[in-house]
């Protein structure tokens, strides 16, 4: 195989593994169960926001070839620094510990009676061993862990799709299902994941000796298309399985229980073993990506040669300790922050993916400011004390009820500022 193809395949496999966490595994089947005849439309919505947007983040990284900091530096260096710090703190404090918690719940507790803190300790020790060997991360994920994940997925999906069940009728058009899928894909927060993971890939390519800007750009774009296509196919297949076996379960079944039930129905009792391994690997690769990304960013502020390994160790300790706390309290604190941070993330991804002439410093500053202002009604609506006061404004804004009230004013400002700049250049 040509070296270009080998490199892009290896990076694509690693990218797939870092994106495909346990949440991405458990969410699609429940969407299929809930929508059933509209499974195709919910799949379309989910893929647009849950695949295309994160892959756009990798494309933007391929253009910038810096770090997450470069995404927002056109607004201001200080703003971009604060933006990065908030994202990495949230990533280390919430998604990373939850991967260990879910691994314990689905892959350890059903077989062995162990305290969750012991599971987390062993889990994050392994994360440390993989993440601290910085130059080998792409090889470890791409050559060894991802093939196992993909193989198990192919077995479960392949057997499930080939089984005879009640035929599913597909709706010609179902806009509600489409927006349901879009909203669920949006709420996976994989756009943030794309910004974190893209930075990990850039540094990994540099450590592997890749020098030429254009070659790195080629590798990132090619590998992201491969990973995005694989993610889309897996998501669609899992949604279809949820719809196919949906009549066997109630809509209030939990996501892990539905996935476990489908695994047993397709593979028998051995299905639980396959699922346990799959969940563990999916969680683990995501945790490695998060911890590596955070260590890459924060280690640049220290001159010590072992700063990266020290920060990896700190992130792992945080993962163990936070994993023992009440996650509901942590999430309640994080949600209002994410309601502002996530729209900014989406805006940064799109602006950095666009041609330079459409994304000047002025455009960045105005669009970011309006995105923050447009997100505030959603944040205030989240708190019961201000919910009644702010609800009329939320309802007035297009897509406000769905949590997308910021989109229309942001798009209008983007168009207006670009028109102004175009006229100024024309008159100059």
Protein backbone atom coordinates (compact mmCIF):
# COMPACT_ATOMS: atom_id res chain seq x y z
CA UNK A 1 0.00 0.00 0.00
CA UNK A 2 1.28 3.45 -0.86
CA UNK A 3 2.71 5.36 2.10
CA UNK A 4 0.11 8.16 1.71
CA UNK A 5 -2.73 5.68 1.97
CA UNK A 6 -1.13 3.91 4.93
CA UNK A 7 -0.62 7.14 6.82
CA UNK A 8 -4.10 8.50 6.17
CA UNK A 9 -5.70 5.14 7.09
CA UNK A 10 -3.76 4.95 10.37
CA UNK A 11 -4.64 8.53 11.32
CA UNK A 12 -8.25 8.00 10.23
CA UNK A 13 -8.57 4.94 12.47
CA UNK A 14 -7.09 6.82 15.43
CA UNK A 15 -9.42 9.76 14.74
CA UNK A 16 -12.44 7.44 14.62
CA UNK A 17 -11.46 5.92 17.97
CA UNK A 18 -11.05 9.27 19.70
CA UNK A 19 -14.43 10.49 18.41
CA UNK A 20 -16.33 7.27 19.07
CA UNK A 21 -16.98 7.35 22.79
CA UNK A 22 -19.50 5.36 24.80
CA UNK A 23 -22.08 8.14 24.50
CA UNK A 24 -21.83 7.94 20.71
CA UNK A 25 -22.43 4.21 21.04
CA UNK A 26 -25.46 4.32 23.35
CA UNK A 27 -27.36 7.32 21.94
CA UNK A 28 -28.18 6.24 18.32
CA UNK A 29 -30.15 3.04 19.15
CA UNK A 30 -32.50 4.95 21.46
CA UNK A 31 -33.09 7.54 18.74
CA UNK A 32 -34.05 4.73 16.37
CA UNK A 33 -36.39 3.17 18.95
CA UNK A 34 -38.12 6.50 19.59
CA UNK A 35 -38.59 7.39 15.90
CA UNK A 36 -38.84 3.95 14.21
CA UNK A 37 -40.56 4.73 10.86
CA UNK A 38 -38.68 8.05 10.74
CA UNK A 39 -35.29 6.42 11.43
CA UNK A 40 -33.85 7.68 8.12
CA UNK A 41 -34.73 11.30 8.90
CA UNK A 42 -33.43 11.16 12.46
CA UNK A 43 -30.23 9.61 11.05
CA UNK A 44 -29.83 12.48 8.59
CA UNK A 45 -30.19 15.09 11.33
CA UNK A 46 -27.81 13.24 13.64
CA UNK A 47 -25.13 12.85 10.98
CA UNK A 48 -25.22 16.54 9.98
CA UNK A 49 -24.59 17.83 13.49
CA UNK A 50 -22.80 14.81 14.99
CA UNK A 51 -20.43 14.02 12.11
CA UNK A 52 -20.14 16.86 9.61
CA UNK A 53 -19.53 19.56 12.23
CA UNK A 54 -16.74 17.66 14.07
CA UNK A 55 -15.09 16.76 10.75
CA UNK A 56 -15.25 20.44 9.77
CA UNK A 57 -13.26 21.09 12.96
CA UNK A 58 -10.53 18.75 11.69
CA UNK A 59 -10.61 20.51 8.32
CA UNK A 60 -10.16 23.86 10.09
CA UNK A 61 -7.21 22.37 12.00
CA UNK A 62 -5.75 21.24 8.67
CA UNK A 63 -5.87 24.87 7.51
CA UNK A 64 -4.49 26.37 10.72
CA UNK A 65 -2.06 23.63 11.82
CA UNK A 66 -1.64 25.20 15.24
CA UNK A 67 -3.68 24.52 18.36
CA UNK A 68 -7.16 25.26 19.66
CA UNK A 69 -5.85 28.71 20.60
CA UNK A 70 -5.57 29.60 16.89
CA UNK A 71 -9.32 29.13 16.42
CA UNK A 72 -10.18 32.22 18.43
CA UNK A 73 -7.09 34.42 18.27
CA UNK A 74 -8.69 36.72 15.68
CA UNK A 75 -11.15 37.78 18.38
CA UNK A 76 -8.29 38.49 20.81
CA UNK A 77 -5.40 36.51 22.33
CA UNK A 78 -6.82 36.83 25.85
CA UNK A 79 -10.30 35.73 24.80
CA UNK A 80 -8.89 32.70 22.98
CA UNK A 81 -6.78 31.74 26.01
CA UNK A 82 -9.79 31.87 28.35
CA UNK A 83 -11.86 29.93 25.78
CA UNK A 84 -9.23 27.15 25.63
CA UNK A 85 -8.82 26.92 29.40
CA UNK A 86 -12.60 26.64 29.97
CA UNK A 87 -12.97 23.90 27.36
CA UNK A 88 -10.07 21.81 28.64
CA UNK A 89 -11.21 22.12 32.26
CA UNK A 90 -14.72 20.99 31.34
CA UNK A 91 -13.35 18.12 29.22
CA UNK A 92 -11.10 16.83 32.01
CA UNK A 93 -13.75 17.31 34.73
CA UNK A 94 -16.79 15.77 33.00
CA UNK A 95 -16.37 13.56 29.89
CA UNK A 96 -13.11 11.91 31.01
CA UNK A 97 -14.34 10.75 34.47
CA UNK A 98 -17.63 9.62 32.95
CA UNK A 99 -15.83 7.27 30.59
CA UNK A 100 -14.41 5.46 33.63
CA UNK A 101 -17.81 5.47 35.38
CA UNK A 102 -19.55 3.95 32.35
CA UNK A 103 -16.81 1.36 31.95
CA UNK A 104 -17.36 0.31 35.55
CA UNK A 105 -21.16 0.21 35.13
CA UNK A 106 -21.27 -1.77 31.88
CA UNK A 107 -18.02 -3.72 31.74
CA UNK A 108 -16.94 -4.45 35.33
CA UNK A 109 -19.89 -4.35 37.76
CA UNK A 110 -21.96 -7.04 35.89
CA UNK A 111 -19.11 -9.54 36.34
CA UNK A 112 -17.01 -8.56 39.38
CA UNK A 113 -17.91 -6.83 42.64
CA UNK A 114 -15.32 -4.08 42.84
CA UNK A 115 -15.55 -0.54 44.25
CA UNK A 116 -15.81 2.02 41.47
CA UNK A 117 -12.74 3.90 42.75
CA UNK A 118 -10.60 0.80 42.14
CA UNK A 119 -11.93 0.51 38.58
CA UNK A 120 -11.23 4.21 37.99
CA UNK A 121 -7.72 3.90 39.43
CA UNK A 122 -6.78 1.00 37.14
CA UNK A 123 -8.55 2.64 34.20
CA UNK A 124 -6.71 5.96 34.51
CA UNK A 125 -3.41 4.20 35.17
CA UNK A 126 -3.81 2.63 31.71
CA UNK A 127 -4.81 6.01 30.27
CA UNK A 128 -1.63 7.47 31.75
CA UNK A 129 0.56 4.71 30.28
CA UNK A 130 -0.83 5.26 26.78
CA UNK A 131 -1.11 9.07 26.87
CA UNK A 132 2.32 9.66 28.45
CA UNK A 133 3.99 7.87 25.54
CA UNK A 134 3.13 10.88 23.38
CA UNK A 135 4.87 9.92 20.14
CA UNK A 136 3.14 6.51 19.98
CA UNK A 137 -0.50 7.56 20.58
CA UNK A 138 -1.56 7.49 16.91
CA UNK A 139 0.05 4.05 16.43
CA UNK A 140 -1.49 2.63 19.63
CA UNK A 141 -4.99 3.80 18.76
CA UNK A 142 -4.86 3.29 15.00
CA UNK A 143 -3.05 -0.04 14.83
CA UNK A 144 -4.35 -1.86 17.89
CA UNK A 145 -7.45 -0.42 19.62
CA UNK A 146 -9.54 0.88 16.70
CA UNK A 147 -9.48 -2.39 14.72
CA UNK A 148 -10.94 -4.15 17.80
CA UNK A 149 -13.68 -1.51 18.14
CA UNK A 150 -14.57 -1.66 14.44
CA UNK A 151 -14.53 -5.48 14.35
CA UNK A 152 -16.98 -5.80 17.26
CA UNK A 153 -19.23 -3.10 15.78
CA UNK A 154 -19.29 -4.86 12.41
CA UNK A 155 -20.25 -8.16 14.06
CA UNK A 156 -23.12 -6.65 16.12
CA UNK A 157 -24.41 -4.43 13.31
CA UNK A 158 -23.96 -7.05 10.59
CA UNK A 159 -25.82 -9.80 12.46
CA UNK A 160 -28.52 -7.40 13.66
CA UNK A 161 -29.25 -5.96 10.22
CA UNK A 162 -29.45 -9.43 8.66
CA UNK A 163 -31.97 -10.77 11.18
CA UNK A 164 -35.65 -11.10 10.21
CA UNK A 165 -37.93 -8.78 12.17
CA UNK A 166 -41.03 -6.72 11.55
CA UNK A 167 -40.55 -4.65 8.38
CA UNK A 168 -40.00 -0.94 9.02
CA UNK A 169 -41.94 1.58 6.96
CA UNK A 170 -40.09 4.82 6.22
CA UNK A 171 -41.76 8.24 6.24
CA UNK A 172 -41.37 10.33 3.08
CA UNK A 173 -40.76 13.46 5.15
CA UNK A 174 -40.59 14.00 8.87
CA UNK A 175 -39.12 17.35 9.86
CA UNK A 176 -39.65 16.72 13.59
CA UNK A 177 -37.56 13.57 13.44
CA UNK A 178 -34.88 15.42 11.47
CA UNK A 179 -34.62 18.18 14.08
CA UNK A 180 -34.69 15.59 16.88
CA UNK A 181 -31.68 13.87 15.33
CA UNK A 182 -29.95 17.19 14.68
CA UNK A 183 -30.47 18.32 18.28
CA UNK A 184 -29.20 15.03 19.71
CA UNK A 185 -26.12 15.14 17.48
CA UNK A 186 -25.59 18.77 18.52
CA UNK A 187 -25.78 17.78 22.18
CA UNK A 188 -23.07 15.13 21.86
CA UNK A 189 -20.66 18.11 22.01
CA UNK A 190 -18.46 16.39 19.43
CA UNK A 191 -17.73 19.78 17.87
CA UNK A 192 -15.69 20.54 20.99
CA UNK A 193 -14.20 17.06 20.63
CA UNK A 194 -13.14 17.94 17.08
CA UNK A 195 -11.25 20.99 18.29
CA UNK A 196 -9.52 19.01 21.06
CA UNK A 197 -8.71 15.98 18.91
CA UNK A 198 -7.53 18.06 15.95
CA UNK A 199 -4.90 19.65 18.16
CA UNK A 200 -3.76 16.19 19.28
CA UNK A 201 -3.37 15.09 15.65
CA UNK A 202 -1.35 18.16 14.67
CA UNK A 203 1.19 17.58 17.46
CA UNK A 204 1.25 13.84 16.73
CA UNK A 205 2.12 14.49 13.08
CA UNK A 206 4.88 16.89 14.12
CA UNK A 207 6.32 14.29 16.52
CA UNK A 208 6.26 11.66 13.77
CA UNK A 209 8.50 13.91 11.67
CA UNK A 210 6.03 15.34 9.16
CA UNK A 211 7.32 18.76 8.09
CA UNK A 212 5.52 19.95 4.97
CA UNK A 213 2.38 22.00 5.60
CA UNK A 214 0.61 20.76 2.46
CA UNK A 215 1.33 17.09 3.21
CA UNK A 216 -0.02 17.39 6.76
CA UNK A 217 -3.08 19.19 5.36
CA UNK A 218 -3.60 16.37 2.86
CA UNK A 219 -3.27 13.68 5.55
CA UNK A 220 -5.70 15.40 7.93
CA UNK A 221 -8.37 16.02 5.28
CA UNK A 222 -8.13 12.51 3.83
CA UNK A 223 -8.14 10.81 7.24
CA UNK A 224 -11.03 12.97 8.49
CA UNK A 225 -13.13 12.00 5.47
CA UNK A 226 -12.42 8.35 6.20
CA UNK A 227 -13.25 8.70 9.91
CA UNK A 228 -16.37 10.78 9.17
CA UNK A 229 -17.68 8.24 6.66
CA UNK A 230 -17.10 5.39 9.13
CA UNK A 231 -18.81 7.31 11.95
CA UNK A 232 -21.80 8.13 9.74
CA UNK A 233 -22.23 4.50 8.65
CA UNK A 234 -22.00 3.22 12.24
CA UNK A 235 -24.44 5.84 13.54
CA UNK A 236 -26.98 5.09 10.80
CA UNK A 237 -26.65 1.34 11.40
CA UNK A 238 -27.13 1.72 15.18
CA UNK A 239 -30.17 3.96 14.67
CA UNK A 240 -31.59 1.41 12.24
CA UNK A 241 -31.07 -1.41 14.78
CA UNK A 242 -32.91 0.65 17.40
CA UNK A 243 -35.82 1.09 15.01
CA UNK A 244 -35.72 -2.54 13.88
CA UNK A 245 -35.89 -4.01 17.39
CA UNK A 246 -37.84 -1.09 18.86
CA UNK A 247 -41.14 -2.96 19.19
CA UNK A 248 -39.53 -5.30 21.72
CA UNK A 249 -38.78 -2.56 24.27
CA UNK A 250 -40.50 0.38 25.92
CA UNK A 251 -39.45 3.96 25.10
CA UNK A 252 -38.38 4.60 28.70
CA UNK A 253 -35.65 1.95 28.54
CA UNK A 254 -32.23 3.38 29.36
CA UNK A 255 -29.60 3.73 26.65
CA UNK A 256 -27.17 1.18 28.15
CA UNK A 257 -29.96 -1.36 28.74
CA UNK A 258 -31.22 -0.99 25.16
CA UNK A 259 -27.75 -1.50 23.74
CA UNK A 260 -27.24 -4.52 26.01
CA UNK A 261 -30.59 -5.98 24.95
CA UNK A 262 -29.84 -5.54 21.24
CA UNK A 263 -26.42 -7.17 21.72
CA UNK A 264 -28.00 -10.19 23.42
CA UNK A 265 -30.74 -10.41 20.78
CA UNK A 266 -28.20 -10.42 17.95
CA UNK A 267 -25.38 -12.50 19.44
CA UNK A 268 -26.94 -14.30 22.39
CA UNK A 269 -25.30 -14.32 25.82
CA UNK A 270 -21.86 -13.82 24.27
CA UNK A 271 -23.21 -10.44 23.12
CA UNK A 272 -22.78 -9.03 26.63
CA UNK A 273 -19.09 -9.93 26.55
CA UNK A 274 -18.66 -8.29 23.14
CA UNK A 275 -20.51 -5.21 24.38
CA UNK A 276 -18.42 -4.99 27.55
CA UNK A 277 -15.21 -5.00 25.52
CA UNK A 278 -16.67 -2.51 23.04
CA UNK A 279 -17.77 -0.04 25.74
CA UNK A 280 -14.42 -0.29 27.52
CA UNK A 281 -12.45 0.41 24.35
CA UNK A 282 -14.75 3.22 23.21
CA UNK A 283 -14.49 4.91 26.61
CA UNK A 284 -10.76 4.38 26.86
CA UNK A 285 -9.82 5.86 23.47
CA UNK A 286 -11.94 8.94 24.18
CA UNK A 287 -10.30 9.43 27.58
CA UNK A 288 -6.85 9.16 26.01
CA UNK A 289 -7.78 11.84 23.47
CA UNK A 290 -9.11 14.22 26.15
CA UNK A 291 -6.17 13.81 28.54
CA UNK A 292 -3.63 14.11 25.73
CA UNK A 293 -5.27 17.26 24.36
CA UNK A 294 -5.35 18.92 27.79
CA UNK A 295 -1.72 17.99 28.51
CA UNK A 296 -0.62 19.26 25.09
CA UNK A 297 -2.20 22.63 25.79
CA UNK A 298 -1.19 23.23 29.40
CA UNK A 299 2.36 21.85 29.08
CA UNK A 300 3.28 24.68 26.69
CA UNK A 301 3.18 27.08 29.67
CA UNK A 302 5.95 25.21 31.49
CA UNK A 303 9.61 24.90 30.54
CA UNK A 304 10.23 21.55 32.24
CA UNK A 305 10.82 18.68 29.81
CA UNK A 306 8.57 16.36 31.82
CA UNK A 307 5.70 18.89 32.06
CA UNK A 308 3.56 16.88 29.64
CA UNK A 309 3.77 13.66 31.71
CA UNK A 310 3.12 15.56 34.95
CA UNK A 311 -0.03 17.16 33.51
CA UNK A 312 -1.20 13.80 32.13
CA UNK A 313 -0.81 12.39 35.65
CA UNK A 314 -2.74 15.32 37.17
CA UNK A 315 -5.58 14.86 34.65
CA UNK A 316 -5.74 11.15 35.49
CA UNK A 317 -5.85 11.83 39.24
CA UNK A 318 -8.65 14.35 38.64
CA UNK A 319 -10.47 11.69 36.63
CA UNK A 320 -10.30 9.23 39.53
CA UNK A 321 -11.36 11.74 42.19
CA UNK A 322 -14.10 13.53 40.25
CA UNK A 323 -15.51 10.20 39.15
CA UNK A 324 -16.47 9.48 42.75
CA UNK A 325 -18.48 12.72 43.13
CA UNK A 326 -22.12 13.37 42.32
CA UNK A 327 -21.99 13.96 38.57
CA UNK A 328 -25.44 15.58 38.53
CA UNK A 329 -24.08 18.50 40.59
CA UNK A 330 -21.07 18.91 38.30
CA UNK A 331 -23.23 18.87 35.19
CA UNK A 332 -25.66 21.41 36.67
CA UNK A 333 -22.72 23.80 37.03
CA UNK A 334 -21.28 23.04 33.59
CA UNK A 335 -24.47 23.25 31.49
CA UNK A 336 -24.89 27.07 31.59
CA UNK A 337 -21.21 27.46 30.62
CA UNK A 338 -21.60 24.98 27.77
CA UNK A 339 -24.69 26.85 26.53
CA UNK A 340 -22.38 29.75 25.69
CA UNK A 341 -19.16 27.88 24.91
CA UNK A 342 -20.69 25.40 22.45
CA UNK A 343 -22.24 28.00 20.10
CA UNK A 344 -18.90 29.88 20.13
CA UNK A 345 -17.16 26.60 19.29
CA UNK A 346 -19.46 26.02 16.31
CA UNK A 347 -18.93 29.58 15.10
CA UNK A 348 -15.13 29.25 15.39
CA UNK A 349 -15.17 25.97 13.46
CA UNK A 350 -17.25 27.37 10.61
CA UNK A 351 -15.38 30.69 10.39
CA UNK A 352 -12.00 28.96 10.32
CA UNK A 353 -13.22 26.51 7.68
CA UNK A 354 -14.42 29.35 5.42
CA UNK A 355 -12.17 31.21 2.96
CA UNK A 356 -10.09 33.95 4.58
CA UNK A 357 -11.92 36.72 2.72
CA UNK A 358 -15.19 35.81 4.49
CA UNK A 359 -13.66 35.54 7.96
CA UNK A 360 -11.71 38.71 8.75
CA UNK A 361 -10.84 39.85 12.28
CA UNK A 362 -13.83 42.19 12.24
CA UNK A 363 -16.14 39.33 11.26
CA UNK A 364 -14.73 37.15 14.04
CA UNK A 365 -15.20 39.84 16.69
CA UNK A 366 -18.74 40.84 15.72
CA UNK A 367 -19.97 37.30 15.13
CA UNK A 368 -18.51 36.09 18.43
CA UNK A 369 -20.06 38.99 20.35
CA UNK A 370 -23.50 38.40 18.83
CA UNK A 371 -23.21 34.64 19.42
CA UNK A 372 -22.59 35.26 23.12
CA UNK A 373 -25.50 37.73 23.34
CA UNK A 374 -27.74 35.36 21.38
CA UNK A 375 -26.88 32.51 23.75
CA UNK A 376 -27.70 34.45 26.93
CA UNK A 377 -31.51 33.98 26.62
CA UNK A 378 -30.97 30.19 26.54
CA UNK A 379 -28.76 30.41 29.63
CA UNK A 380 -31.27 32.57 31.53
CA UNK A 381 -34.10 30.28 30.39
CA UNK A 382 -32.22 27.38 32.00
CA UNK A 383 -32.54 28.93 35.49
CA UNK A 384 -35.99 28.70 37.08
CA UNK A 385 -35.65 32.17 38.66
CA UNK A 386 -35.46 33.89 35.25
CA UNK A 387 -37.30 31.34 33.11
CA UNK A 388 -40.71 33.08 33.04
CA UNK A 389 -39.13 36.49 32.46
CA UNK A 390 -37.01 35.38 29.50
CA UNK A 391 -39.40 32.86 27.89
CA UNK A 392 -41.18 35.38 25.60
CA UNK A 393 -37.80 36.40 24.11
CA UNK A 394 -36.79 32.77 23.60
CA UNK A 395 -40.07 32.08 21.80
CA UNK A 396 -39.68 35.13 19.53
CA UNK A 397 -36.24 34.12 18.25
CA UNK A 398 -36.34 31.64 15.33
CA UNK A 399 -35.44 28.15 16.60
CA UNK A 400 -35.34 29.59 20.13
CA UNK A 401 -37.54 26.84 21.59
CA UNK A 402 -35.05 24.23 20.31
CA UNK A 403 -32.09 26.03 21.91
CA UNK A 404 -30.81 27.55 18.65
CA UNK A 405 -31.97 31.13 19.17
CA UNK A 406 -28.42 32.40 18.63
CA UNK A 407 -28.21 31.15 15.03
CA UNK A 408 -30.36 33.78 13.25
CA UNK A 409 -28.79 36.94 14.76
CA UNK A 410 -25.31 35.44 14.30
CA UNK A 411 -25.97 34.65 10.63
CA UNK A 412 -27.41 38.12 10.00
CA UNK A 413 -24.38 39.83 11.55
CA UNK A 414 -22.03 37.60 9.54
CA UNK A 415 -23.77 38.65 6.31
CA UNK A 416 -23.97 42.36 7.24
CA UNK A 417 -20.29 42.67 8.24
CA UNK A 418 -19.17 40.90 5.08
CA UNK A 419 -21.32 43.19 2.92
CA UNK A 420 -19.82 46.25 4.66
CA UNK A 421 -16.28 44.95 4.15
CA UNK A 422 -16.96 44.09 0.51
CA UNK A 423 -18.21 47.64 -0.15
CA UNK A 424 -15.26 49.18 1.66
CA UNK A 425 -12.79 47.15 -0.44
CA UNK A 426 -14.68 48.05 -3.61
CA UNK A 427 -14.64 51.78 -2.81
CA UNK A 428 -10.97 51.77 -1.78
